[in-house]
């Protein structure tokens, strides 16, 4: 019988905000990673759009996006 290792999903939660002067370029306030977000960098002040493109290009799926106006929360999951 072969033993298989079950890999847990990688989960990324991003709290972001909009600058009222540039409302179409939200930036990351804080990112929480369970597992790994490699090769993506999720630093405070970074563009949410750039981070989202990186995550989506690396097999993550956007599972939730809550837009509260000035602030919002985006959640991504990568399953193996």
N, C-alpha and C. Protein backbone atom coordinates (compact mmCIF):
# COMPACT_ATOMS: atom_id res chain seq x y z
N UNK A 1 0.85 -1.17 0.00
CA UNK A 1 0.00 0.00 0.00
C UNK A 1 0.90 1.24 0.00
N UNK A 2 0.68 2.12 -0.93
CA UNK A 2 1.50 3.33 -0.99
C UNK A 2 0.85 4.43 -0.16
N UNK A 3 1.70 5.14 0.54
CA UNK A 3 1.21 6.25 1.35
C UNK A 3 1.23 7.51 0.51
N UNK A 4 0.13 8.19 0.45
CA UNK A 4 0.09 9.45 -0.29
C UNK A 4 -0.04 10.60 0.71
N UNK A 5 0.69 11.64 0.41
CA UNK A 5 0.65 12.82 1.26
C UNK A 5 -0.40 13.77 0.72
N UNK A 6 -1.33 14.13 1.55
CA UNK A 6 -2.38 15.06 1.14
C UNK A 6 -1.88 16.47 1.40
N UNK A 7 -1.87 17.27 0.35
CA UNK A 7 -1.40 18.65 0.47
C UNK A 7 -2.60 19.56 0.74
N UNK A 8 -2.46 20.39 1.73
CA UNK A 8 -3.52 21.33 2.06
C UNK A 8 -3.54 22.48 1.05
N UNK A 9 -4.69 23.08 0.86
CA UNK A 9 -4.76 24.20 -0.09
C UNK A 9 -4.03 25.42 0.46
N UNK A 10 -3.53 26.24 -0.44
CA UNK A 10 -2.94 27.53 -0.07
C UNK A 10 -4.07 28.56 -0.10
N UNK A 11 -4.12 29.39 0.94
CA UNK A 11 -5.18 30.39 1.06
C UNK A 11 -4.55 31.77 1.28
N UNK A 12 -5.01 32.75 0.51
CA UNK A 12 -4.52 34.12 0.63
C UNK A 12 -5.72 35.04 0.84
N UNK A 13 -5.66 35.83 1.90
CA UNK A 13 -6.68 36.84 2.16
C UNK A 13 -6.01 38.21 2.12
N UNK A 14 -6.56 39.11 1.32
CA UNK A 14 -5.98 40.44 1.15
C UNK A 14 -6.98 41.50 1.58
N UNK A 15 -6.56 42.35 2.50
CA UNK A 15 -7.33 43.55 2.86
C UNK A 15 -6.75 44.67 2.02
N UNK A 16 -7.62 45.35 1.27
CA UNK A 16 -7.15 46.40 0.38
C UNK A 16 -7.94 47.69 0.59
N UNK A 17 -7.37 48.78 0.09
CA UNK A 17 -8.05 50.08 0.19
C UNK A 17 -7.88 50.86 -1.10
N UNK A 18 -8.83 51.76 -1.31
CA UNK A 18 -8.76 52.67 -2.45
C UNK A 18 -8.34 54.04 -1.95
N UNK A 19 -7.49 54.68 -2.71
CA UNK A 19 -7.16 56.08 -2.46
C UNK A 19 -8.23 56.88 -3.19
N UNK A 20 -8.85 57.81 -2.52
CA UNK A 20 -9.93 58.58 -3.14
C UNK A 20 -9.46 59.40 -4.34
N UNK A 21 -8.16 59.71 -4.40
CA UNK A 21 -7.64 60.45 -5.55
C UNK A 21 -7.40 59.55 -6.75
N UNK A 22 -7.16 58.25 -6.51
CA UNK A 22 -6.96 57.28 -7.59
C UNK A 22 -7.80 56.04 -7.29
N UNK A 23 -9.13 56.13 -7.44
CA UNK A 23 -10.02 55.06 -7.00
C UNK A 23 -9.92 53.76 -7.80
N UNK A 24 -9.29 53.80 -8.98
CA UNK A 24 -9.22 52.59 -9.80
C UNK A 24 -7.94 51.80 -9.59
N UNK A 25 -7.13 52.20 -8.61
CA UNK A 25 -5.89 51.47 -8.32
C UNK A 25 -5.83 51.14 -6.83
N UNK A 26 -6.61 50.14 -6.39
CA UNK A 26 -6.58 49.76 -4.97
C UNK A 26 -5.21 49.17 -4.59
N UNK A 27 -4.82 49.40 -3.35
CA UNK A 27 -3.54 48.92 -2.86
C UNK A 27 -3.75 47.99 -1.66
N UNK A 28 -2.78 47.12 -1.45
CA UNK A 28 -2.83 46.17 -0.35
C UNK A 28 -2.54 46.87 0.97
N UNK A 29 -3.39 46.63 1.97
CA UNK A 29 -3.15 47.11 3.33
C UNK A 29 -2.46 46.01 4.11
N UNK A 30 -2.97 44.78 3.98
CA UNK A 30 -2.41 43.64 4.69
C UNK A 30 -2.80 42.36 3.95
N UNK A 31 -1.88 41.41 3.93
CA UNK A 31 -2.15 40.11 3.32
C UNK A 31 -1.82 39.01 4.32
N UNK A 32 -2.72 38.03 4.41
CA UNK A 32 -2.52 36.87 5.26
C UNK A 32 -2.43 35.64 4.38
N UNK A 33 -1.40 34.83 4.59
CA UNK A 33 -1.18 33.65 3.76
C UNK A 33 -1.17 32.42 4.66
N UNK A 34 -1.97 31.44 4.30
CA UNK A 34 -1.93 30.12 4.93
C UNK A 34 -1.37 29.19 3.87
N UNK A 35 -0.24 28.61 4.15
CA UNK A 35 0.46 27.80 3.16
C UNK A 35 1.51 28.65 2.48
N UNK A 36 1.36 28.84 1.17
CA UNK A 36 2.35 29.60 0.41
C UNK A 36 1.66 30.41 -0.69
N UNK A 37 2.23 31.58 -0.97
CA UNK A 37 1.76 32.40 -2.09
C UNK A 37 2.85 32.51 -3.15
N UNK A 38 3.90 31.70 -3.01
CA UNK A 38 5.02 31.78 -3.95
C UNK A 38 4.54 31.51 -5.36
N UNK A 39 5.03 32.24 -6.31
CA UNK A 39 6.12 33.19 -6.32
C UNK A 39 5.66 34.64 -6.15
N UNK A 40 4.45 34.87 -5.71
CA UNK A 40 3.89 36.22 -5.63
C UNK A 40 4.34 36.95 -4.36
N UNK A 41 4.60 38.24 -4.50
CA UNK A 41 4.91 39.09 -3.36
C UNK A 41 3.66 39.89 -3.03
N UNK A 42 3.27 39.86 -1.78
CA UNK A 42 2.04 40.53 -1.33
C UNK A 42 2.40 41.52 -0.24
N UNK A 43 2.99 42.62 -0.63
CA UNK A 43 3.45 43.61 0.32
C UNK A 43 2.47 44.77 0.47
N UNK A 44 2.40 45.32 1.67
CA UNK A 44 1.55 46.50 1.91
C UNK A 44 2.00 47.62 0.97
N UNK A 45 1.01 48.28 0.38
CA UNK A 45 1.29 49.37 -0.55
C UNK A 45 1.36 48.93 -2.01
N UNK A 46 1.46 47.63 -2.25
CA UNK A 46 1.51 47.09 -3.60
C UNK A 46 0.13 47.14 -4.24
N UNK A 47 0.10 47.24 -5.54
CA UNK A 47 -1.15 47.26 -6.29
C UNK A 47 -1.89 45.94 -6.13
N UNK A 48 -3.18 46.02 -5.81
CA UNK A 48 -4.01 44.82 -5.72
C UNK A 48 -4.12 44.14 -7.08
N UNK A 49 -4.18 44.92 -8.13
CA UNK A 49 -4.31 44.36 -9.48
C UNK A 49 -3.08 43.53 -9.84
N UNK A 50 -1.89 44.04 -9.55
CA UNK A 50 -0.65 43.31 -9.82
C UNK A 50 -0.60 42.01 -9.02
N UNK A 51 -0.96 42.08 -7.74
CA UNK A 51 -0.96 40.89 -6.89
C UNK A 51 -1.98 39.87 -7.38
N UNK A 52 -3.16 40.34 -7.77
CA UNK A 52 -4.21 39.43 -8.25
C UNK A 52 -3.79 38.73 -9.54
N UNK A 53 -3.17 39.45 -10.45
CA UNK A 53 -2.70 38.85 -11.70
C UNK A 53 -1.67 37.77 -11.41
N UNK A 54 -0.76 38.05 -10.48
CA UNK A 54 0.25 37.06 -10.12
C UNK A 54 -0.40 35.81 -9.53
N UNK A 55 -1.33 36.00 -8.59
CA UNK A 55 -1.99 34.85 -7.97
C UNK A 55 -2.78 34.03 -8.99
N UNK A 56 -3.55 34.70 -9.82
CA UNK A 56 -4.36 33.99 -10.82
C UNK A 56 -3.49 33.28 -11.85
N UNK A 57 -2.31 33.81 -12.14
CA UNK A 57 -1.38 33.19 -13.08
C UNK A 57 -0.68 31.98 -12.48
N UNK A 58 -0.80 31.82 -11.17
CA UNK A 58 -0.15 30.72 -10.47
C UNK A 58 -1.14 29.78 -9.81
N UNK A 59 -2.22 29.50 -10.54
CA UNK A 59 -3.24 28.50 -10.19
C UNK A 59 -4.11 28.86 -8.98
N UNK A 60 -4.10 30.10 -8.53
CA UNK A 60 -5.04 30.51 -7.50
C UNK A 60 -6.37 30.84 -8.16
N UNK A 61 -7.44 30.72 -7.40
CA UNK A 61 -8.78 31.06 -7.86
C UNK A 61 -9.36 32.09 -6.89
N UNK A 62 -9.97 33.14 -7.42
CA UNK A 62 -10.63 34.12 -6.57
C UNK A 62 -11.95 33.51 -6.10
N UNK A 63 -12.08 33.32 -4.78
CA UNK A 63 -13.29 32.69 -4.26
C UNK A 63 -14.23 33.69 -3.60
N UNK A 64 -13.70 34.86 -3.23
CA UNK A 64 -14.55 35.86 -2.58
C UNK A 64 -13.93 37.23 -2.79
N UNK A 65 -14.79 38.20 -3.07
CA UNK A 65 -14.34 39.58 -3.19
C UNK A 65 -15.44 40.46 -2.61
N UNK A 66 -15.14 41.09 -1.50
CA UNK A 66 -16.11 41.96 -0.83
C UNK A 66 -15.63 43.39 -0.96
N UNK A 67 -16.42 44.21 -1.64
CA UNK A 67 -16.08 45.61 -1.87
C UNK A 67 -16.94 46.46 -0.94
N UNK A 68 -16.28 47.11 0.02
CA UNK A 68 -16.98 47.94 1.00
C UNK A 68 -16.84 49.42 0.70
N UNK A 69 -16.51 49.74 -0.53
CA UNK A 69 -16.34 51.14 -0.92
C UNK A 69 -14.88 51.52 -0.90
N UNK A 70 -14.41 52.07 0.22
CA UNK A 70 -13.01 52.47 0.34
C UNK A 70 -12.13 51.26 0.65
N UNK A 71 -12.66 50.31 1.40
CA UNK A 71 -11.92 49.10 1.76
C UNK A 71 -12.58 47.88 1.13
N UNK A 72 -11.82 46.79 1.07
CA UNK A 72 -12.37 45.54 0.57
C UNK A 72 -11.52 44.37 1.00
N UNK A 73 -12.04 43.18 0.78
CA UNK A 73 -11.35 41.95 1.12
C UNK A 73 -11.45 41.01 -0.09
N UNK A 74 -10.31 40.45 -0.48
CA UNK A 74 -10.26 39.48 -1.58
C UNK A 74 -9.65 38.20 -1.03
N UNK A 75 -10.24 37.07 -1.40
CA UNK A 75 -9.75 35.79 -0.91
C UNK A 75 -9.47 34.86 -2.09
N UNK A 76 -8.29 34.26 -2.08
CA UNK A 76 -7.84 33.36 -3.15
C UNK A 76 -7.50 32.01 -2.56
N UNK A 77 -7.71 30.95 -3.33
CA UNK A 77 -7.37 29.59 -2.91
C UNK A 77 -6.68 28.88 -4.06
N UNK A 78 -5.60 28.14 -3.73
CA UNK A 78 -4.93 27.30 -4.72
C UNK A 78 -5.03 25.87 -4.24
N UNK A 79 -5.70 25.04 -5.04
CA UNK A 79 -5.85 23.62 -4.73
C UNK A 79 -4.85 22.83 -5.57
N UNK A 80 -4.39 21.74 -5.04
CA UNK A 80 -3.45 20.89 -5.78
C UNK A 80 -4.11 19.62 -6.20
